[in-house]
Amino acid sequence: MKTSHPLLPARLFCIGLEACRAESSAGARPGSSQRRAQARKAPHLVTQTAFTLIELLVVMAVIAVLAILVFPGIKSATLAAKSAKTVSHLRQTGNLIMIYAGDHERPVLTTTTSTG
């Protein structure tokens, strides 16, 4: 079961079923000596199980830069939404006044002139 594909897990680098059985009967984990030998020969084939601190810091920095770029756009979108909401409310108020005036057959808003 020898494989040369670099993306397979390290446990598949066991040379043969007999070698795995011999190691497991000796008390070692199956394939452990083959994995150590493989790691010495080709360190790029060893699988990683965790992220390093540098990788995590780089990801956090990228997220921070993206957030800085996005926040001004969110602020302007919020202002545009408030403006659209205000215009909609004014339009609804005008419609309400016109419907009220039509139902009651009289003008709601009257103008008075003061003499003075």
N, C-alpha and C. Protein backbone atom coordinates (compact mmCIF):
# COMPACT_ATOMS: atom_id res chain seq x y z
N MET A 1 0.83 -1.17 0.00
CA MET A 1 0.00 0.00 0.00
C MET A 1 0.88 1.25 0.00
N LYS A 2 1.93 1.24 -0.77
CA LYS A 2 2.83 2.39 -0.84
C LYS A 2 2.24 3.40 -1.81
N THR A 3 2.27 4.67 -1.40
CA THR A 3 1.71 5.72 -2.25
C THR A 3 2.69 6.88 -2.32
N SER A 4 2.63 7.61 -3.40
CA SER A 4 3.54 8.74 -3.56
C SER A 4 2.78 10.06 -3.62
N HIS A 5 1.48 10.04 -3.40
CA HIS A 5 0.68 11.26 -3.46
C HIS A 5 0.96 12.10 -2.22
N PRO A 6 1.38 13.39 -2.38
CA PRO A 6 1.78 14.20 -1.22
C PRO A 6 0.62 14.67 -0.34
N LEU A 7 -0.62 14.59 -0.79
CA LEU A 7 -1.72 15.12 -0.01
C LEU A 7 -2.42 14.07 0.86
N LEU A 8 -2.01 12.82 0.75
CA LEU A 8 -2.63 11.79 1.58
C LEU A 8 -2.12 11.88 3.01
N PRO A 9 -2.91 11.47 3.98
CA PRO A 9 -2.47 11.51 5.38
C PRO A 9 -1.26 10.62 5.62
N ALA A 10 -0.53 10.95 6.66
CA ALA A 10 0.71 10.23 6.94
C ALA A 10 0.47 8.78 7.32
N ARG A 11 -0.72 8.46 7.81
CA ARG A 11 -0.97 7.08 8.22
C ARG A 11 -1.04 6.13 7.02
N LEU A 12 -1.17 6.64 5.81
CA LEU A 12 -1.24 5.80 4.62
C LEU A 12 0.14 5.45 4.08
N PHE A 13 1.20 5.94 4.70
CA PHE A 13 2.54 5.68 4.20
C PHE A 13 3.11 4.36 4.76
N CYS A 14 2.27 3.57 5.28
CA CYS A 14 2.71 2.27 5.78
C CYS A 14 3.14 1.42 4.59
N ILE A 15 4.29 0.78 4.67
CA ILE A 15 4.84 0.04 3.53
C ILE A 15 4.00 -1.19 3.21
N GLY A 16 3.58 -1.92 4.19
CA GLY A 16 2.79 -3.11 3.93
C GLY A 16 2.01 -3.50 5.16
N LEU A 17 1.04 -4.36 4.95
CA LEU A 17 0.20 -4.78 6.05
C LEU A 17 0.99 -5.56 7.10
N GLU A 18 1.98 -6.31 6.67
CA GLU A 18 2.79 -7.08 7.61
C GLU A 18 3.59 -6.16 8.52
N ALA A 19 4.14 -5.09 7.96
CA ALA A 19 4.92 -4.16 8.78
C ALA A 19 4.03 -3.47 9.81
N CYS A 20 2.81 -3.16 9.44
CA CYS A 20 1.88 -2.53 10.37
C CYS A 20 1.53 -3.49 11.50
N ARG A 21 1.28 -4.74 11.15
CA ARG A 21 0.95 -5.73 12.17
C ARG A 21 2.12 -5.97 13.10
N ALA A 22 3.35 -5.98 12.55
CA ALA A 22 4.52 -6.21 13.38
C ALA A 22 4.70 -5.07 14.38
N GLU A 23 4.48 -3.84 13.94
CA GLU A 23 4.62 -2.69 14.84
C GLU A 23 3.53 -2.68 15.89
N SER A 24 2.30 -3.03 15.49
CA SER A 24 1.22 -3.00 16.47
C SER A 24 1.39 -4.10 17.50
N SER A 25 1.94 -5.24 17.10
CA SER A 25 2.18 -6.29 18.08
C SER A 25 3.35 -5.95 18.99
N ALA A 26 4.26 -5.10 18.52
CA ALA A 26 5.40 -4.70 19.33
C ALA A 26 5.03 -3.58 20.29
N GLY A 27 3.81 -3.03 20.20
CA GLY A 27 3.37 -2.00 21.12
C GLY A 27 3.44 -0.60 20.54
N ALA A 28 3.98 -0.43 19.37
CA ALA A 28 4.05 0.89 18.75
C ALA A 28 2.79 1.13 17.93
N ARG A 29 2.53 2.38 17.66
CA ARG A 29 1.40 2.69 16.80
C ARG A 29 1.72 2.25 15.39
N PRO A 30 0.73 1.74 14.64
CA PRO A 30 1.01 1.26 13.29
C PRO A 30 1.53 2.38 12.40
N GLY A 31 2.64 2.13 11.75
CA GLY A 31 3.19 3.09 10.80
C GLY A 31 4.00 4.20 11.41
N SER A 32 4.27 4.17 12.72
CA SER A 32 4.94 5.31 13.34
C SER A 32 6.39 5.42 12.88
N SER A 33 7.10 4.31 12.76
CA SER A 33 8.50 4.40 12.30
C SER A 33 8.55 4.80 10.83
N GLN A 34 7.59 4.35 10.04
CA GLN A 34 7.57 4.78 8.63
C GLN A 34 7.27 6.27 8.52
N ARG A 35 6.39 6.77 9.39
CA ARG A 35 6.10 8.21 9.34
C ARG A 35 7.32 9.03 9.73
N ARG A 36 8.04 8.57 10.75
CA ARG A 36 9.25 9.30 11.14
C ARG A 36 10.28 9.27 10.02
N ALA A 37 10.46 8.11 9.39
CA ALA A 37 11.41 8.01 8.29
C ALA A 37 10.97 8.87 7.12
N GLN A 38 9.67 8.88 6.83
CA GLN A 38 9.15 9.70 5.74
C GLN A 38 9.35 11.18 6.05
N ALA A 39 9.16 11.58 7.31
CA ALA A 39 9.34 12.98 7.69
C ALA A 39 10.79 13.41 7.53
N ARG A 40 11.73 12.50 7.82
CA ARG A 40 13.14 12.86 7.64
C ARG A 40 13.49 12.99 6.16
N LYS A 41 12.92 12.12 5.32
CA LYS A 41 13.24 12.14 3.89
C LYS A 41 12.54 13.30 3.18
N ALA A 42 11.27 13.50 3.47
CA ALA A 42 10.49 14.53 2.77
C ALA A 42 9.65 15.28 3.80
N PRO A 43 10.19 16.35 4.41
CA PRO A 43 9.44 17.06 5.45
C PRO A 43 8.17 17.73 4.95
N HIS A 44 8.07 17.99 3.65
CA HIS A 44 6.87 18.64 3.14
C HIS A 44 5.67 17.69 3.10
N LEU A 45 5.88 16.40 3.30
CA LEU A 45 4.78 15.44 3.30
C LEU A 45 4.15 15.26 4.67
N VAL A 46 4.75 15.83 5.72
CA VAL A 46 4.22 15.68 7.07
C VAL A 46 2.99 16.57 7.20
N THR A 47 1.91 16.01 7.72
CA THR A 47 0.67 16.79 7.86
C THR A 47 0.73 17.66 9.10
N GLN A 48 0.16 18.88 8.99
CA GLN A 48 0.08 19.79 10.12
C GLN A 48 -1.29 19.63 10.78
N THR A 49 -1.32 19.79 12.08
CA THR A 49 -2.59 19.65 12.78
C THR A 49 -3.08 20.96 13.39
N ALA A 50 -2.29 22.02 13.39
CA ALA A 50 -2.70 23.28 14.02
C ALA A 50 -2.11 24.45 13.24
N PHE A 51 -2.71 25.64 13.46
CA PHE A 51 -2.20 26.86 12.85
C PHE A 51 -1.11 27.45 13.74
N THR A 52 -0.17 28.13 13.12
CA THR A 52 0.86 28.80 13.91
C THR A 52 0.35 30.19 14.31
N LEU A 53 1.04 30.79 15.26
CA LEU A 53 0.64 32.12 15.73
C LEU A 53 0.75 33.15 14.61
N ILE A 54 1.76 33.04 13.79
CA ILE A 54 1.94 33.98 12.68
C ILE A 54 0.77 33.88 11.70
N GLU A 55 0.34 32.66 11.39
CA GLU A 55 -0.78 32.49 10.48
C GLU A 55 -2.06 33.12 11.04
N LEU A 56 -2.29 32.94 12.31
CA LEU A 56 -3.47 33.53 12.93
C LEU A 56 -3.41 35.05 12.94
N LEU A 57 -2.23 35.61 13.20
CA LEU A 57 -2.08 37.06 13.20
C LEU A 57 -2.27 37.64 11.80
N VAL A 58 -1.78 36.94 10.80
CA VAL A 58 -1.95 37.41 9.42
C VAL A 58 -3.43 37.42 9.05
N VAL A 59 -4.15 36.38 9.41
CA VAL A 59 -5.59 36.32 9.12
C VAL A 59 -6.32 37.45 9.83
N MET A 60 -5.96 37.71 11.09
CA MET A 60 -6.60 38.81 11.82
C MET A 60 -6.30 40.15 11.17
N ALA A 61 -5.08 40.34 10.69
CA ALA A 61 -4.73 41.60 10.03
C ALA A 61 -5.51 41.78 8.74
N VAL A 62 -5.67 40.72 7.98
CA VAL A 62 -6.43 40.81 6.72
C VAL A 62 -7.89 41.15 7.01
N ILE A 63 -8.46 40.54 8.03
CA ILE A 63 -9.84 40.84 8.40
C ILE A 63 -9.99 42.28 8.85
N ALA A 64 -9.01 42.79 9.59
CA ALA A 64 -9.05 44.19 10.04
C ALA A 64 -8.98 45.15 8.86
N VAL A 65 -8.13 44.88 7.89
CA VAL A 65 -8.02 45.75 6.71
C VAL A 65 -9.33 45.73 5.93
N LEU A 66 -9.93 44.56 5.77
CA LEU A 66 -11.21 44.49 5.05
C LEU A 66 -12.30 45.23 5.80
N ALA A 67 -12.30 45.16 7.11
CA ALA A 67 -13.30 45.89 7.90
C ALA A 67 -13.13 47.40 7.74
N ILE A 68 -11.89 47.86 7.73
CA ILE A 68 -11.63 49.29 7.55
C ILE A 68 -12.12 49.76 6.19
N LEU A 69 -11.98 48.92 5.18
CA LEU A 69 -12.44 49.30 3.84
C LEU A 69 -13.95 49.28 3.72
N VAL A 70 -14.62 48.44 4.48
CA VAL A 70 -16.07 48.27 4.33
C VAL A 70 -16.86 49.28 5.17
N PHE A 71 -16.37 49.70 6.33
CA PHE A 71 -17.14 50.55 7.23
C PHE A 71 -17.58 51.88 6.63
N PRO A 72 -16.78 52.62 5.85
CA PRO A 72 -17.29 53.86 5.25
C PRO A 72 -18.47 53.61 4.30
N GLY A 73 -18.43 52.51 3.59
CA GLY A 73 -19.55 52.18 2.70
C GLY A 73 -20.81 51.89 3.47
N ILE A 74 -20.67 51.24 4.61
CA ILE A 74 -21.84 50.95 5.45
C ILE A 74 -22.43 52.24 6.00
N LYS A 75 -21.58 53.19 6.39
CA LYS A 75 -22.06 54.46 6.94
C LYS A 75 -22.84 55.24 5.89
N SER A 76 -22.33 55.33 4.68
CA SER A 76 -23.03 56.07 3.63
C SER A 76 -24.33 55.36 3.24
N ALA A 77 -24.33 54.04 3.27
CA ALA A 77 -25.56 53.31 2.97
C ALA A 77 -26.61 53.55 4.05
N THR A 78 -26.18 53.65 5.29
CA THR A 78 -27.11 53.93 6.39
C THR A 78 -27.73 55.32 6.24
N LEU A 79 -26.92 56.31 5.86
CA LEU A 79 -27.45 57.67 5.66
C LEU A 79 -28.42 57.70 4.49
N ALA A 80 -28.13 56.99 3.41
CA ALA A 80 -29.03 56.95 2.27
C ALA A 80 -30.35 56.27 2.65
N ALA A 81 -30.27 55.22 3.47
CA ALA A 81 -31.50 54.54 3.91
C ALA A 81 -32.35 55.45 4.78
N LYS A 82 -31.73 56.23 5.67
CA LYS A 82 -32.50 57.17 6.51
C LYS A 82 -33.17 58.24 5.65
N SER A 83 -32.47 58.72 4.63
CA SER A 83 -33.04 59.73 3.74
C SER A 83 -34.23 59.16 2.98
N ALA A 84 -34.10 57.94 2.47
CA ALA A 84 -35.20 57.31 1.74
C ALA A 84 -36.39 57.07 2.67
N LYS A 85 -36.14 56.72 3.90
CA LYS A 85 -37.21 56.49 4.88
C LYS A 85 -37.96 57.79 5.16
N THR A 86 -37.24 58.90 5.29
CA THR A 86 -37.86 60.20 5.56
C THR A 86 -38.74 60.63 4.39
N VAL A 87 -38.24 60.47 3.18
CA VAL A 87 -39.02 60.84 1.99
C VAL A 87 -40.27 59.99 1.90
N SER A 88 -40.16 58.70 2.21
CA SER A 88 -41.33 57.82 2.17
C SER A 88 -42.37 58.24 3.20
N HIS A 89 -41.94 58.60 4.39
CA HIS A 89 -42.88 59.04 5.42
C HIS A 89 -43.58 60.35 5.01
N LEU A 90 -42.85 61.27 4.41
CA LEU A 90 -43.47 62.53 3.95
C LEU A 90 -44.49 62.25 2.85
N ARG A 91 -44.17 61.34 1.94
CA ARG A 91 -45.11 61.00 0.87
C ARG A 91 -46.37 60.36 1.45
N GLN A 92 -46.23 59.48 2.43
CA GLN A 92 -47.38 58.85 3.06
C GLN A 92 -48.24 59.87 3.80
N THR A 93 -47.60 60.84 4.44
CA THR A 93 -48.34 61.89 5.14
C THR A 93 -49.14 62.73 4.15
N GLY A 94 -48.53 63.07 3.03
CA GLY A 94 -49.25 63.83 1.99
C GLY A 94 -50.42 63.04 1.44
N ASN A 95 -50.23 61.74 1.21
CA ASN A 95 -51.34 60.91 0.73
C ASN A 95 -52.47 60.86 1.76
N LEU A 96 -52.11 60.75 3.02
CA LEU A 96 -53.10 60.71 4.09
C LEU A 96 -53.93 61.99 4.11
N ILE A 97 -53.30 63.11 3.98
CA ILE A 97 -54.00 64.40 3.99
C ILE A 97 -54.94 64.50 2.79
N MET A 98 -54.47 64.07 1.61
CA MET A 98 -55.30 64.15 0.41
C MET A 98 -56.51 63.21 0.52
N ILE A 99 -56.31 62.01 1.08
CA ILE A 99 -57.43 61.07 1.23
C ILE A 99 -58.44 61.62 2.25
N TYR A 100 -57.96 62.19 3.33
CA TYR A 100 -58.85 62.77 4.35
C TYR A 100 -59.67 63.90 3.75
N ALA A 101 -59.01 64.76 2.99
CA ALA A 101 -59.72 65.89 2.38
C ALA A 101 -60.75 65.39 1.38
N GLY A 102 -60.45 64.33 0.64
CA GLY A 102 -61.42 63.79 -0.33
C GLY A 102 -62.61 63.15 0.36
N ASP A 103 -62.38 62.46 1.45
CA ASP A 103 -63.48 61.81 2.17
C ASP A 103 -64.41 62.82 2.82
N HIS A 104 -63.90 63.91 3.32
CA HIS A 104 -64.70 64.88 4.05
C HIS A 104 -65.10 66.08 3.19
N GLU A 105 -64.75 66.07 1.94
CA GLU A 105 -65.12 67.09 0.95
C GLU A 105 -64.86 68.50 1.42
N ARG A 106 -63.74 68.68 2.02
CA ARG A 106 -63.33 70.03 2.41
C ARG A 106 -61.80 70.05 2.49
N PRO A 107 -61.23 71.20 2.31
CA PRO A 107 -59.77 71.28 2.40
C PRO A 107 -59.31 71.15 3.85
N VAL A 108 -58.27 70.43 4.05
CA VAL A 108 -57.74 70.25 5.40
C VAL A 108 -56.86 71.43 5.77
N LEU A 109 -56.06 71.83 4.86
CA LEU A 109 -55.15 72.95 5.10
C LEU A 109 -55.75 74.19 4.50
N THR A 110 -56.04 75.14 5.33
CA THR A 110 -56.58 76.42 4.84
C THR A 110 -55.57 77.51 5.14
N THR A 111 -55.61 78.50 4.33
CA THR A 111 -54.70 79.63 4.54
C THR A 111 -55.54 80.80 5.04
N THR A 112 -54.99 81.47 5.97
CA THR A 112 -55.66 82.68 6.50
C THR A 112 -54.74 83.85 6.31
N THR A 113 -55.30 84.91 6.03
CA THR A 113 -54.50 86.13 5.92
C THR A 113 -54.84 87.03 7.09
N SER A 114 -53.85 87.53 7.67
CA SER A 114 -54.08 88.40 8.80
C SER A 114 -53.97 89.84 8.33
N THR A 115 -54.85 90.62 8.82
CA THR A 115 -54.80 92.03 8.48
C THR A 115 -54.16 92.78 9.65
N GLY A 116 -53.31 93.54 9.34
CA GLY A 116 -52.67 94.12 10.48
C GLY A 116 -52.05 95.37 10.33
